[in-house]
Amino acid sequence: MNNYLNKPIIALQIPTGIGANFGGYAGDFGYIARKFSEKYHCIVNPNAVNGGILSAINYDMSYLEGYLFDEFFAGNINIVPKKPYETNKIGVIFDCEIPKNIINVHLNTINALKMVQGIDFVGIEYTKENVGVEIKVENNISYGNLKNPNTLLKAAQNLIQKGAQALAVVCFFGEDCEDLNYSNAQGVDPIGGVEAIISHLIAREFNMPTAHAPAFFDIDISEKIENPKVSSELISSTYFPCIAQGLSIAPLIAKQEGIKNTDVEYLIVPYDAMGSKSVLSCIQNGIKIITVENKTSLNVDCNKLKIKPYAHFESYEECLKSMN
C-alpha cells in the first residue's frame, strides 16, 4: 500500500472502441468500478466511468486518459490523486465547426455544472480551423483521423496559459453515428477509437489530464426503450458532463512525488485485450495482471502472449470477492 493513500491501489482498464461486453457502451462499467472503489483506490481510464450526463467517478478513483495510463505503467510518470473536495481548473476546447445552437446547449451545460457542482472552468477556446474528424470502423474496431490536429494543440496551449490544469475537448462529429448493433449492446462504439486519438494527441503533447466528448448536428434524446447498457446516452443532450466531472478530480501528473507504477497491486483487464502498452509494461515491470471474462472484439489473450496471469476470474464480482 502506498503511504499516500489509506487503501491498496489497483487499476481497472477497459480499452475504448473494442466492444467490451462490460464497459464497451455508455458508462456500463461504472457500477463495477464503484464496487471496487469501496475497497481500493482505482486507477481508471475515462471509458470505464463516462456515461453521457452521468459519471461513476469518485475520489477513490484516479481518472487517467489512455495515453497517460500507458505512460504511468511504463514508469514515465507518477500521479498524485486529488484529496476530497480538491479540484482542477478545467479549460474547454470547442471545435469551431460545431453549429451555434449545439454550442449554446454546451454553454448551458457548463453553466449548470458551475452552479450545481461548483466545477471550476478557467476558460473556453474555439479552434481556429475545423478539426475535421473522420470516423472509421473496420474489422469490428473503431478508429479514425483528424484533418487539422494542430488547431486543437494551439487551443490547448492558450488554455494552459490561462491556468488550465485539465482539458475538456468537444469536437464535431456531424450526423449522429447511429449503429444498430451498438444500440443493442452487441457491437463496437463507432466513435470510441477516434475519441481516443483526440485525447491522446493532447495528453501526449502537454502531459495533462484530457478527455473528449462528441458533438453532433442536433440534439436527439430518444423516447425508445433500448438496452440498459446504452441508456445513459439516450437521456443525454450532451456527453460533456461526465468528462467535466472526471477531469475536475483527475490526478496531478508528476515525475517524482505521488503514486508510481510499482505501487499498483493489480492491473485488471479483459482476458482477450492483453495487447495494450500498459499490459506489456506490467509484464516487463513485474506488476500483477488479473484477467476477467469480459469479451471484446480483440483476440489477444495470455496464450498468444505466452504468459500466465496472476489470476483469472469468470466475472468482476467473483474477482472482487476473491480479492477481499
C-alpha atoms as a PDB file:
ATOM      1  CA  MET A   1       0.000   0.000   0.000  1.00  0.00           C
ATOM      2  CA  ASN A   2       1.345   3.455  -0.929  1.00  0.00           C
ATOM      3  CA  ASN A   3       1.745   5.745   2.082  1.00  0.00           C
ATOM      4  CA  TYR A   4      -0.059   8.486   0.184  1.00  0.00           C
ATOM      5  CA  LEU A   5      -3.375   6.639   0.449  1.00  0.00           C
ATOM      6  CA  ASN A   6      -5.076   4.559   3.109  1.00  0.00           C
ATOM      7  CA  LYS A   7      -6.235   1.979   0.560  1.00  0.00           C
ATOM      8  CA  PRO A   8      -4.466  -0.553  -1.632  1.00  0.00           C
ATOM      9  CA  ILE A   9      -4.150   0.633  -5.247  1.00  0.00           C
ATOM     10  CA  ILE A  10      -5.396  -1.258  -8.297  1.00  0.00           C
ATOM     11  CA  ALA A  11      -6.086  -0.342 -11.918  1.00  0.00           C
ATOM     12  CA  LEU A  12      -9.162  -1.179 -13.984  1.00  0.00           C
ATOM     13  CA  GLN A  13      -8.629  -0.914 -17.723  1.00  0.00           C
ATOM     14  CA  ILE A  14     -11.481  -1.031 -20.241  1.00  0.00           C
ATOM     15  CA  PRO A  15      -9.966  -0.103 -23.637  1.00  0.00           C
ATOM     16  CA  THR A  16     -12.046   2.195 -25.842  1.00  0.00           C
ATOM     17  CA  GLY A  17     -13.678   1.205 -29.117  1.00  0.00           C
ATOM     18  CA  ILE A  18     -13.314  -2.584 -28.878  1.00  0.00           C
ATOM     19  CA  GLY A  19     -16.854  -3.537 -27.865  1.00  0.00           C
ATOM     20  CA  ALA A  20     -16.095  -4.851 -24.382  1.00  0.00           C
ATOM     21  CA  ASN A  21     -19.123  -6.724 -23.037  1.00  0.00           C
ATOM     22  CA  PHE A  22     -18.742  -4.712 -19.827  1.00  0.00           C
ATOM     23  CA  GLY A  23     -17.569  -1.149 -20.440  1.00  0.00           C
ATOM     24  CA  GLY A  24     -17.879  -1.064 -24.209  1.00  0.00           C
ATOM     25  CA  TYR A  25     -21.032   1.039 -24.289  1.00  0.00           C
ATOM     26  CA  ALA A  26     -22.180   4.028 -22.222  1.00  0.00           C
ATOM     27  CA  GLY A  27     -20.900   4.024 -18.665  1.00  0.00           C
ATOM     28  CA  ASP A  28     -21.967   0.402 -18.282  1.00  0.00           C
ATOM     29  CA  PHE A  29     -18.812  -0.448 -16.307  1.00  0.00           C
ATOM     30  CA  GLY A  30     -19.397   2.381 -13.853  1.00  0.00           C
ATOM     31  CA  TYR A  31     -21.243   0.424 -11.184  1.00  0.00           C
ATOM     32  CA  ILE A  32     -18.458  -2.198 -11.241  1.00  0.00           C
ATOM     33  CA  ALA A  33     -15.768   0.462 -10.829  1.00  0.00           C
ATOM     34  CA  ARG A  34     -17.679   1.888  -7.872  1.00  0.00           C
ATOM     35  CA  LYS A  35     -17.847  -1.511  -6.202  1.00  0.00           C
ATOM     36  CA  PHE A  36     -14.076  -1.887  -6.484  1.00  0.00           C
ATOM     37  CA  SER A  37     -13.526   1.667  -5.192  1.00  0.00           C
ATOM     38  CA  GLU A  38     -15.191   0.763  -1.896  1.00  0.00           C
ATOM     39  CA  LYS A  39     -12.128  -1.357  -1.066  1.00  0.00           C
ATOM     40  CA  TYR A  40      -9.394   0.041  -3.332  1.00  0.00           C
ATOM     41  CA  HIS A  41      -8.123   3.245  -4.825  1.00  0.00           C
ATOM     42  CA  CYS A  42      -8.788   2.541  -8.516  1.00  0.00           C
ATOM     43  CA  ILE A  43      -6.883   3.971 -11.456  1.00  0.00           C
ATOM     44  CA  VAL A  44      -9.409   4.052 -14.314  1.00  0.00           C
ATOM     45  CA  ASN A  45      -9.422   5.196 -17.909  1.00  0.00           C
ATOM     46  CA  PRO A  46     -12.312   7.566 -18.784  1.00  0.00           C
ATOM     47  CA  ASN A  47     -14.101   4.901 -20.830  1.00  0.00           C
ATOM     48  CA  ALA A  48     -14.613   2.875 -17.626  1.00  0.00           C
ATOM     49  CA  VAL A  49     -16.731   5.539 -15.904  1.00  0.00           C
ATOM     50  CA  ASN A  50     -18.057   8.001 -18.527  1.00  0.00           C
ATOM     51  CA  GLY A  51     -21.807   7.851 -19.174  1.00  0.00           C
ATOM     52  CA  GLY A  52     -23.038  10.966 -21.001  1.00  0.00           C
ATOM     53  CA  ILE A  53     -24.711  13.223 -18.458  1.00  0.00           C
ATOM     54  CA  LEU A  54     -23.800  10.671 -15.762  1.00  0.00           C
ATOM     55  CA  SER A  55     -20.446   9.672 -14.309  1.00  0.00           C
ATOM     56  CA  ALA A  56     -19.370   6.954 -11.905  1.00  0.00           C
ATOM     57  CA  ILE A  57     -16.243   8.860 -10.830  1.00  0.00           C
ATOM     58  CA  ASN A  58     -15.445   9.478  -7.163  1.00  0.00           C
ATOM     59  CA  TYR A  59     -12.432  10.490  -5.072  1.00  0.00           C
ATOM     60  CA  ASP A  60     -11.417   6.858  -4.669  1.00  0.00           C
ATOM     61  CA  MET A  61     -10.628   6.757  -8.393  1.00  0.00           C
ATOM     62  CA  SER A  62      -7.847   8.357 -10.411  1.00  0.00           C
ATOM     63  CA  TYR A  63      -9.212   9.325 -13.838  1.00  0.00           C
ATOM     64  CA  LEU A  64      -6.335   8.814 -16.256  1.00  0.00           C
ATOM     65  CA  GLU A  65      -6.594   9.284 -20.039  1.00  0.00           C
ATOM     66  CA  GLY A  66      -5.407   6.306 -22.091  1.00  0.00           C
ATOM     67  CA  TYR A  67      -2.048   7.705 -23.211  1.00  0.00           C
ATOM     68  CA  LEU A  68      -1.233   8.779 -19.650  1.00  0.00           C
ATOM     69  CA  PHE A  69      -2.469   5.408 -18.385  1.00  0.00           C
ATOM     70  CA  ASP A  70       0.157   3.750 -20.603  1.00  0.00           C
ATOM     71  CA  GLU A  71       2.838   6.263 -19.596  1.00  0.00           C
ATOM     72  CA  PHE A  72       2.111   5.599 -15.941  1.00  0.00           C
ATOM     73  CA  PHE A  73       2.574   1.850 -16.270  1.00  0.00           C
ATOM     74  CA  ALA A  74       5.704   2.378 -18.340  1.00  0.00           C
ATOM     75  CA  GLY A  75       7.132   4.226 -15.322  1.00  0.00           C
ATOM     76  CA  ASN A  76       7.462   7.544 -17.164  1.00  0.00           C
ATOM     77  CA  ILE A  77       5.076   9.481 -14.895  1.00  0.00           C
ATOM     78  CA  ASN A  78       3.659   9.332 -11.391  1.00  0.00           C
ATOM     79  CA  ILE A  79       0.238  10.541 -10.286  1.00  0.00           C
ATOM     80  CA  VAL A  80      -0.930  12.492  -7.260  1.00  0.00           C
ATOM     81  CA  PRO A  81      -4.652  11.773  -6.588  1.00  0.00           C
ATOM     82  CA  LYS A  82      -6.918  14.601  -5.561  1.00  0.00           C
ATOM     83  CA  LYS A  83      -7.906  14.810  -1.919  1.00  0.00           C
ATOM     84  CA  PRO A  84     -11.656  15.076  -1.182  1.00  0.00           C
ATOM     85  CA  TYR A  85     -13.028  18.486  -2.200  1.00  0.00           C
ATOM     86  CA  GLU A  86      -9.806  19.360  -4.066  1.00  0.00           C
ATOM     87  CA  THR A  87     -10.457  20.111  -7.755  1.00  0.00           C
ATOM     88  CA  ASN A  88      -8.800  21.100 -11.025  1.00  0.00           C
ATOM     89  CA  LYS A  89      -9.299  24.203 -13.125  1.00  0.00           C
ATOM     90  CA  ILE A  90     -10.684  22.962 -16.453  1.00  0.00           C
ATOM     91  CA  GLY A  91     -10.134  24.526 -19.857  1.00  0.00           C
ATOM     92  CA  VAL A  92     -12.675  23.752 -22.601  1.00  0.00           C
ATOM     93  CA  ILE A  93     -11.885  23.427 -26.320  1.00  0.00           C
ATOM     94  CA  PHE A  94     -14.722  23.637 -28.836  1.00  0.00           C
ATOM     95  CA  ASP A  95     -14.286  22.649 -32.473  1.00  0.00           C
ATOM     96  CA  CYS A  96     -15.296  25.764 -34.424  1.00  0.00           C
ATOM     97  CA  GLU A  97     -17.312  23.564 -36.797  1.00  0.00           C
ATOM     98  CA  ILE A  98     -19.941  22.837 -34.111  1.00  0.00           C
ATOM     99  CA  PRO A  99     -23.215  24.629 -35.007  1.00  0.00           C
ATOM    100  CA  LYS A 100     -24.164  27.619 -32.840  1.00  0.00           C
ATOM    101  CA  ASN A 101     -27.316  26.011 -31.449  1.00  0.00           C
ATOM    102  CA  ILE A 102     -25.329  22.980 -30.276  1.00  0.00           C
ATOM    103  CA  ILE A 103     -22.646  25.238 -28.771  1.00  0.00           C
ATOM    104  CA  ASN A 104     -25.398  27.012 -26.812  1.00  0.00           C
ATOM    105  CA  VAL A 105     -26.546  23.725 -25.282  1.00  0.00           C
ATOM    106  CA  HIS A 106     -22.956  23.029 -24.225  1.00  0.00           C
ATOM    107  CA  LEU A 107     -22.597  26.525 -22.736  1.00  0.00           C
ATOM    108  CA  ASN A 108     -25.774  25.954 -20.721  1.00  0.00           C
ATOM    109  CA  THR A 109     -24.286  22.638 -19.604  1.00  0.00           C
ATOM    110  CA  ILE A 110     -21.077  24.336 -18.466  1.00  0.00           C
ATOM    111  CA  ASN A 111     -23.066  26.941 -16.528  1.00  0.00           C
ATOM    112  CA  ALA A 112     -25.157  24.197 -14.915  1.00  0.00           C
ATOM    113  CA  LEU A 113     -22.020  22.320 -13.833  1.00  0.00           C
ATOM    114  CA  LYS A 114     -20.654  25.546 -12.342  1.00  0.00           C
ATOM    115  CA  MET A 115     -23.846  26.291 -10.427  1.00  0.00           C
ATOM    116  CA  VAL A 116     -24.790  22.796  -9.255  1.00  0.00           C
ATOM    117  CA  GLN A 117     -21.386  21.198  -8.663  1.00  0.00           C
ATOM    118  CA  GLY A 118     -19.059  24.182  -8.458  1.00  0.00           C
ATOM    119  CA  ILE A 119     -16.810  22.866 -11.218  1.00  0.00           C
ATOM    120  CA  ASP A 120     -14.125  25.451 -11.999  1.00  0.00           C
ATOM    121  CA  PHE A 121     -13.860  26.303 -15.715  1.00  0.00           C
ATOM    122  CA  VAL A 122     -10.905  28.577 -16.342  1.00  0.00           C
ATOM    123  CA  GLY A 123     -11.749  29.413 -19.941  1.00  0.00           C
ATOM    124  CA  ILE A 124     -13.127  28.389 -23.330  1.00  0.00           C
ATOM    125  CA  GLU A 125     -11.239  28.322 -26.621  1.00  0.00           C
ATOM    126  CA  TYR A 126     -12.677  27.795 -30.090  1.00  0.00           C
ATOM    127  CA  THR A 127     -10.353  26.227 -32.643  1.00  0.00           C
ATOM    128  CA  LYS A 128      -9.235  28.497 -35.487  1.00  0.00           C
ATOM    129  CA  GLU A 129      -9.908  25.760 -38.038  1.00  0.00           C
ATOM    130  CA  ASN A 130     -12.334  22.864 -38.283  1.00  0.00           C
ATOM    131  CA  VAL A 131     -10.751  19.854 -36.591  1.00  0.00           C
ATOM    132  CA  GLY A 132     -12.038  17.600 -39.383  1.00  0.00           C
ATOM    133  CA  VAL A 133     -12.945  14.396 -37.548  1.00  0.00           C
ATOM    134  CA  GLU A 134     -13.073  11.295 -39.757  1.00  0.00           C
ATOM    135  CA  ILE A 135     -14.660   8.153 -38.301  1.00  0.00           C
ATOM    136  CA  LYS A 136     -13.871   4.621 -39.445  1.00  0.00           C
ATOM    137  CA  VAL A 137     -14.877   1.149 -38.277  1.00  0.00           C
ATOM    138  CA  GLU A 138     -13.031  -1.847 -39.688  1.00  0.00           C
ATOM    139  CA  ASN A 139     -12.818  -5.463 -38.540  1.00  0.00           C
ATOM    140  CA  ASN A 140     -15.049  -4.540 -35.607  1.00  0.00           C
ATOM    141  CA  ILE A 141     -12.530  -1.960 -34.336  1.00  0.00           C
ATOM    142  CA  SER A 142     -13.302   1.756 -34.371  1.00  0.00           C
ATOM    143  CA  TYR A 143     -10.651   4.298 -35.279  1.00  0.00           C
ATOM    144  CA  GLY A 144     -10.354   7.467 -37.339  1.00  0.00           C
ATOM    145  CA  ASN A 145      -8.357  10.524 -38.317  1.00  0.00           C
ATOM    146  CA  LEU A 146      -8.119  14.288 -37.740  1.00  0.00           C
ATOM    147  CA  LYS A 147      -7.558  16.616 -40.699  1.00  0.00           C
ATOM    148  CA  ASN A 148      -6.273  19.516 -38.585  1.00  0.00           C
ATOM    149  CA  PRO A 149      -4.807  18.253 -35.301  1.00  0.00           C
ATOM    150  CA  ASN A 150      -2.621  21.334 -34.788  1.00  0.00           C
ATOM    151  CA  THR A 151      -5.654  23.573 -34.339  1.00  0.00           C
ATOM    152  CA  LEU A 152      -6.501  21.576 -31.187  1.00  0.00           C
ATOM    153  CA  LEU A 153      -2.960  21.911 -29.855  1.00  0.00           C
ATOM    154  CA  LYS A 154      -2.976  25.688 -30.309  1.00  0.00           C
ATOM    155  CA  ALA A 155      -6.278  25.996 -28.446  1.00  0.00           C
ATOM    156  CA  ALA A 156      -4.940  23.773 -25.656  1.00  0.00           C
ATOM    157  CA  GLN A 157      -1.801  25.910 -25.334  1.00  0.00           C
ATOM    158  CA  ASN A 158      -3.924  29.057 -24.921  1.00  0.00           C
ATOM    159  CA  LEU A 159      -5.928  27.445 -22.122  1.00  0.00           C
ATOM    160  CA  ILE A 160      -2.819  26.235 -20.313  1.00  0.00           C
ATOM    161  CA  GLN A 161      -1.519  29.800 -20.366  1.00  0.00           C
ATOM    162  CA  LYS A 162      -4.791  30.817 -18.683  1.00  0.00           C
ATOM    163  CA  GLY A 163      -4.140  28.327 -15.864  1.00  0.00           C
ATOM    164  CA  ALA A 164      -5.948  25.183 -17.030  1.00  0.00           C
ATOM    165  CA  GLN A 165      -4.938  22.048 -15.107  1.00  0.00           C
ATOM    166  CA  ALA A 166      -7.113  19.710 -17.202  1.00  0.00           C
ATOM    167  CA  LEU A 167      -8.562  19.935 -20.699  1.00  0.00           C
ATOM    168  CA  ALA A 168     -12.054  19.029 -21.917  1.00  0.00           C
ATOM    169  CA  VAL A 169     -12.358  18.745 -25.701  1.00  0.00           C
ATOM    170  CA  VAL A 170     -15.559  18.782 -27.762  1.00  0.00           C
ATOM    171  CA  CYS A 171     -15.207  18.022 -31.477  1.00  0.00           C
ATOM    172  CA  PHE A 172     -17.861  17.988 -34.187  1.00  0.00           C
ATOM    173  CA  PHE A 173     -18.887  14.553 -35.430  1.00  0.00           C
ATOM    174  CA  GLY A 174     -21.572  15.639 -37.898  1.00  0.00           C
ATOM    175  CA  GLU A 175     -24.633  13.433 -38.196  1.00  0.00           C
ATOM    176  CA  ASP A 176     -25.383  11.106 -35.297  1.00  0.00           C
ATOM    177  CA  CYS A 177     -23.245   7.989 -35.731  1.00  0.00           C
ATOM    178  CA  GLU A 178     -26.083   5.601 -35.037  1.00  0.00           C
ATOM    179  CA  ASP A 179     -25.202   1.930 -35.129  1.00  0.00           C
ATOM    180  CA  LEU A 180     -27.966  -0.620 -34.547  1.00  0.00           C
ATOM    181  CA  ASN A 181     -25.592  -3.265 -33.216  1.00  0.00           C
ATOM    182  CA  TYR A 182     -24.135  -0.790 -30.735  1.00  0.00           C
ATOM    183  CA  SER A 183     -27.627   0.354 -29.701  1.00  0.00           C
ATOM    184  CA  ASN A 184     -28.451  -3.276 -28.975  1.00  0.00           C
ATOM    185  CA  ALA A 185     -25.224  -3.669 -26.951  1.00  0.00           C
ATOM    186  CA  GLN A 186     -23.801  -6.112 -29.470  1.00  0.00           C
ATOM    187  CA  GLY A 187     -21.307  -4.018 -31.415  1.00  0.00           C
ATOM    188  CA  VAL A 188     -18.472  -1.544 -31.164  1.00  0.00           C
ATOM    189  CA  ASP A 189     -18.845   2.136 -30.253  1.00  0.00           C
ATOM    190  CA  PRO A 190     -18.247   3.672 -33.703  1.00  0.00           C
ATOM    191  CA  ILE A 191     -16.689   6.870 -32.330  1.00  0.00           C
ATOM    192  CA  GLY A 192     -14.618   5.435 -29.470  1.00  0.00           C
ATOM    193  CA  GLY A 193     -11.455   4.953 -31.499  1.00  0.00           C
ATOM    194  CA  VAL A 194     -11.203   8.471 -32.887  1.00  0.00           C
ATOM    195  CA  GLU A 195     -12.128   9.914 -29.479  1.00  0.00           C
ATOM    196  CA  ALA A 196      -9.064   8.155 -28.087  1.00  0.00           C
ATOM    197  CA  ILE A 197      -6.941   9.670 -30.884  1.00  0.00           C
ATOM    198  CA  ILE A 198      -8.134  13.167 -29.922  1.00  0.00           C
ATOM    199  CA  SER A 199      -7.409  12.788 -26.206  1.00  0.00           C
ATOM    200  CA  HIS A 200      -4.076  11.008 -26.811  1.00  0.00           C
ATOM    201  CA  LEU A 201      -2.929  13.857 -29.072  1.00  0.00           C
ATOM    202  CA  ILE A 202      -3.347  16.500 -26.377  1.00  0.00           C
ATOM    203  CA  ALA A 203      -2.269  14.384 -23.403  1.00  0.00           C
ATOM    204  CA  ARG A 204       0.915  13.353 -25.216  1.00  0.00           C
ATOM    205  CA  GLU A 205       1.783  16.961 -26.084  1.00  0.00           C
ATOM    206  CA  PHE A 206       1.053  18.550 -22.698  1.00  0.00           C
ATOM    207  CA  ASN A 207       1.170  15.692 -20.138  1.00  0.00           C
ATOM    208  CA  MET A 208      -2.148  16.897 -18.770  1.00  0.00           C
ATOM    209  CA  PRO A 209      -5.441  15.177 -17.892  1.00  0.00           C
ATOM    210  CA  THR A 210      -7.601  15.273 -21.006  1.00  0.00           C
ATOM    211  CA  ALA A 211     -10.924  13.826 -22.126  1.00  0.00           C
ATOM    212  CA  HIS A 212     -13.170  14.190 -25.167  1.00  0.00           C
ATOM    213  CA  ALA A 213     -16.927  14.431 -25.694  1.00  0.00           C
ATOM    214  CA  PRO A 214     -18.536  14.399 -29.156  1.00  0.00           C
ATOM    215  CA  ALA A 215     -20.962  16.991 -30.535  1.00  0.00           C
ATOM    216  CA  PHE A 216     -23.428  16.075 -33.262  1.00  0.00           C
ATOM    217  CA  PHE A 217     -25.533  18.031 -35.722  1.00  0.00           C
ATOM    218  CA  ASP A 218     -28.575  18.001 -33.478  1.00  0.00           C
ATOM    219  CA  ILE A 219     -29.737  17.081 -30.005  1.00  0.00           C
ATOM    220  CA  ASP A 220     -31.551  13.769 -30.002  1.00  0.00           C
ATOM    221  CA  ILE A 221     -32.996  12.445 -26.757  1.00  0.00           C
ATOM    222  CA  SER A 222     -34.593   9.123 -27.618  1.00  0.00           C
ATOM    223  CA  GLU A 223     -38.038   8.018 -26.498  1.00  0.00           C
ATOM    224  CA  LYS A 224     -37.245   4.394 -27.324  1.00  0.00           C
ATOM    225  CA  ILE A 225     -36.515   1.832 -24.634  1.00  0.00           C
ATOM    226  CA  GLU A 226     -33.131   0.414 -25.613  1.00  0.00           C
ATOM    227  CA  ASN A 227     -30.598  -1.878 -23.984  1.00  0.00           C
ATOM    228  CA  PRO A 228     -29.715  -0.567 -20.482  1.00  0.00           C
ATOM    229  CA  LYS A 229     -26.027  -0.558 -21.422  1.00  0.00           C
ATOM    230  CA  VAL A 230     -26.622   2.406 -23.752  1.00  0.00           C
ATOM    231  CA  SER A 231     -29.417   4.085 -21.802  1.00  0.00           C
ATOM    232  CA  SER A 232     -27.232   6.887 -20.394  1.00  0.00           C
ATOM    233  CA  GLU A 233     -26.574   8.081 -23.954  1.00  0.00           C
ATOM    234  CA  LEU A 234     -30.290   8.048 -24.741  1.00  0.00           C
ATOM    235  CA  ILE A 235     -31.023  10.598 -21.997  1.00  0.00           C
ATOM    236  CA  SER A 236     -28.012  12.837 -22.699  1.00  0.00           C
ATOM    237  CA  SER A 237     -28.400  16.131 -24.533  1.00  0.00           C
ATOM    238  CA  THR A 238     -24.612  16.413 -24.499  1.00  0.00           C
ATOM    239  CA  TYR A 239     -21.882  13.981 -23.477  1.00  0.00           C
ATOM    240  CA  PHE A 240     -19.948  16.744 -21.727  1.00  0.00           C
ATOM    241  CA  PRO A 241     -20.956  16.379 -18.048  1.00  0.00           C
ATOM    242  CA  CYS A 242     -19.210  13.046 -17.492  1.00  0.00           C
ATOM    243  CA  ILE A 243     -15.843  14.262 -18.792  1.00  0.00           C
ATOM    244  CA  ALA A 244     -16.078  17.502 -16.809  1.00  0.00           C
ATOM    245  CA  GLN A 245     -16.793  15.590 -13.611  1.00  0.00           C
ATOM    246  CA  GLY A 246     -13.932  13.187 -14.243  1.00  0.00           C
ATOM    247  CA  LEU A 247     -11.441  15.908 -15.147  1.00  0.00           C
ATOM    248  CA  SER A 248     -12.422  18.014 -12.145  1.00  0.00           C
ATOM    249  CA  ILE A 249     -10.825  15.436  -9.831  1.00  0.00           C
ATOM    250  CA  ALA A 250      -8.242  13.901 -12.187  1.00  0.00           C
ATOM    251  CA  PRO A 251      -4.817  13.379 -10.583  1.00  0.00           C
ATOM    252  CA  LEU A 252      -1.815  15.655 -10.960  1.00  0.00           C
ATOM    253  CA  ILE A 253       0.785  14.271 -13.366  1.00  0.00           C
ATOM    254  CA  ALA A 254       4.176  14.251 -11.632  1.00  0.00           C
ATOM    255  CA  LYS A 255       7.705  12.951 -12.100  1.00  0.00           C
ATOM    256  CA  GLN A 256       8.849  12.231  -8.543  1.00  0.00           C
ATOM    257  CA  GLU A 257       6.052  12.537  -5.972  1.00  0.00           C
ATOM    258  CA  GLY A 258       2.859  10.551  -5.572  1.00  0.00           C
ATOM    259  CA  ILE A 259       1.957   7.074  -6.779  1.00  0.00           C
ATOM    260  CA  LYS A 260       4.295   5.182  -9.092  1.00  0.00           C
ATOM    261  CA  ASN A 261       3.507   2.156 -11.240  1.00  0.00           C
ATOM    262  CA  THR A 262       5.001  -0.362  -8.826  1.00  0.00           C
ATOM    263  CA  ASP A 263       2.624   0.858  -6.080  1.00  0.00           C
ATOM    264  CA  VAL A 264      -0.230  -0.780  -8.002  1.00  0.00           C
ATOM    265  CA  GLU A 265      -1.110  -4.216  -6.673  1.00  0.00           C
ATOM    266  CA  TYR A 266      -3.032  -5.418  -9.749  1.00  0.00           C
ATOM    267  CA  LEU A 267      -3.954  -4.342 -13.243  1.00  0.00           C
ATOM    268  CA  ILE A 268      -7.344  -5.883 -14.077  1.00  0.00           C
ATOM    269  CA  VAL A 269      -8.128  -6.276 -17.791  1.00  0.00           C
ATOM    270  CA  PRO A 270     -10.500  -8.163 -20.123  1.00  0.00           C
ATOM    271  CA  TYR A 271      -8.989 -11.577 -20.825  1.00  0.00           C
ATOM    272  CA  ASP A 272      -8.720 -11.065 -24.607  1.00  0.00           C
ATOM    273  CA  ALA A 273      -7.496  -7.435 -24.557  1.00  0.00           C
ATOM    274  CA  MET A 274      -3.955  -8.099 -23.387  1.00  0.00           C
ATOM    275  CA  GLY A 275      -2.120  -6.250 -26.148  1.00  0.00           C
ATOM    276  CA  SER A 276      -2.122  -2.745 -24.663  1.00  0.00           C
ATOM    277  CA  LYS A 277       1.078  -0.902 -23.809  1.00  0.00           C
ATOM    278  CA  SER A 278       0.093  -0.841 -20.148  1.00  0.00           C
ATOM    279  CA  VAL A 279      -0.256  -4.634 -20.012  1.00  0.00           C
ATOM    280  CA  LEU A 280       3.085  -5.126 -21.717  1.00  0.00           C
ATOM    281  CA  SER A 281       4.698  -2.660 -19.296  1.00  0.00           C
ATOM    282  CA  CYS A 282       3.221  -4.557 -16.339  1.00  0.00           C
ATOM    283  CA  ILE A 283       4.733  -7.784 -17.673  1.00  0.00           C
ATOM    284  CA  GLN A 284       8.099  -6.062 -18.015  1.00  0.00           C
ATOM    285  CA  ASN A 285       7.943  -4.412 -14.571  1.00  0.00           C
ATOM    286  CA  GLY A 286       6.596  -7.387 -12.633  1.00  0.00           C
ATOM    287  CA  ILE A 287       3.192  -5.845 -11.851  1.00  0.00           C
ATOM    288  CA  LYS A 288       0.495  -8.491 -11.300  1.00  0.00           C
ATOM    289  CA  ILE A 289      -2.128  -8.844 -14.018  1.00  0.00           C
ATOM    290  CA  ILE A 290      -5.617 -10.201 -13.357  1.00  0.00           C
ATOM    291  CA  THR A 291      -7.812 -11.177 -16.303  1.00  0.00           C
ATOM    292  CA  VAL A 292     -11.605 -11.322 -16.287  1.00  0.00           C
ATOM    293  CA  GLU A 293     -14.094 -12.914 -18.689  1.00  0.00           C
ATOM    294  CA  ASN A 294     -15.147  -9.738 -20.495  1.00  0.00           C
ATOM    295  CA  LYS A 295     -15.411 -10.458 -24.206  1.00  0.00           C
ATOM    296  CA  THR A 296     -14.098  -7.826 -26.636  1.00  0.00           C
ATOM    297  CA  SER A 297     -13.592  -7.700 -30.396  1.00  0.00           C
ATOM    298  CA  LEU A 298      -9.862  -8.280 -29.883  1.00  0.00           C
ATOM    299  CA  ASN A 299      -8.207 -11.665 -29.683  1.00  0.00           C
ATOM    300  CA  VAL A 300      -5.037 -11.040 -27.717  1.00  0.00           C
ATOM    301  CA  ASP A 301      -5.039 -13.303 -24.684  1.00  0.00           C
ATOM    302  CA  CYS A 302      -2.442 -14.809 -22.363  1.00  0.00           C
ATOM    303  CA  ASN A 303      -1.944 -17.792 -24.654  1.00  0.00           C
ATOM    304  CA  LYS A 304      -0.911 -15.502 -27.511  1.00  0.00           C
ATOM    305  CA  LEU A 305       1.487 -13.626 -25.243  1.00  0.00           C
ATOM    306  CA  LYS A 306       2.708 -16.913 -23.753  1.00  0.00           C
ATOM    307  CA  ILE A 307       2.256 -15.712 -20.191  1.00  0.00           C
ATOM    308  CA  LYS A 308       0.099 -16.666 -17.231  1.00  0.00           C
ATOM    309  CA  PRO A 309      -1.952 -14.029 -15.403  1.00  0.00           C
ATOM    310  CA  TYR A 310      -1.653 -13.768 -11.651  1.00  0.00           C
ATOM    311  CA  ALA A 311      -5.309 -14.843 -11.546  1.00  0.00           C
ATOM    312  CA  HIS A 312      -8.277 -15.261 -13.873  1.00  0.00           C
ATOM    313  CA  PHE A 313     -11.943 -14.844 -12.941  1.00  0.00           C
ATOM    314  CA  GLU A 314     -15.243 -15.578 -14.655  1.00  0.00           C
ATOM    315  CA  SER A 315     -16.732 -12.235 -13.574  1.00  0.00           C
ATOM    316  CA  TYR A 316     -15.793  -8.955 -11.942  1.00  0.00           C
ATOM    317  CA  GLU A 317     -17.997  -9.863  -8.987  1.00  0.00           C
ATOM    318  CA  GLU A 318     -16.005 -13.060  -8.467  1.00  0.00           C
ATOM    319  CA  CYS A 319     -12.788 -11.103  -8.853  1.00  0.00           C
ATOM    320  CA  LEU A 320     -13.727  -8.571  -6.191  1.00  0.00           C
ATOM    321  CA  LYS A 321     -14.986 -11.248  -3.818  1.00  0.00           C
ATOM    322  CA  SER A 322     -11.748 -13.242  -4.139  1.00  0.00           C
ATOM    323  CA  MET A 323      -9.546 -10.161  -3.672  1.00  0.00           C
ATOM    324  CA  ASN A 324     -11.271  -9.108  -0.436  1.00  0.00           C
END
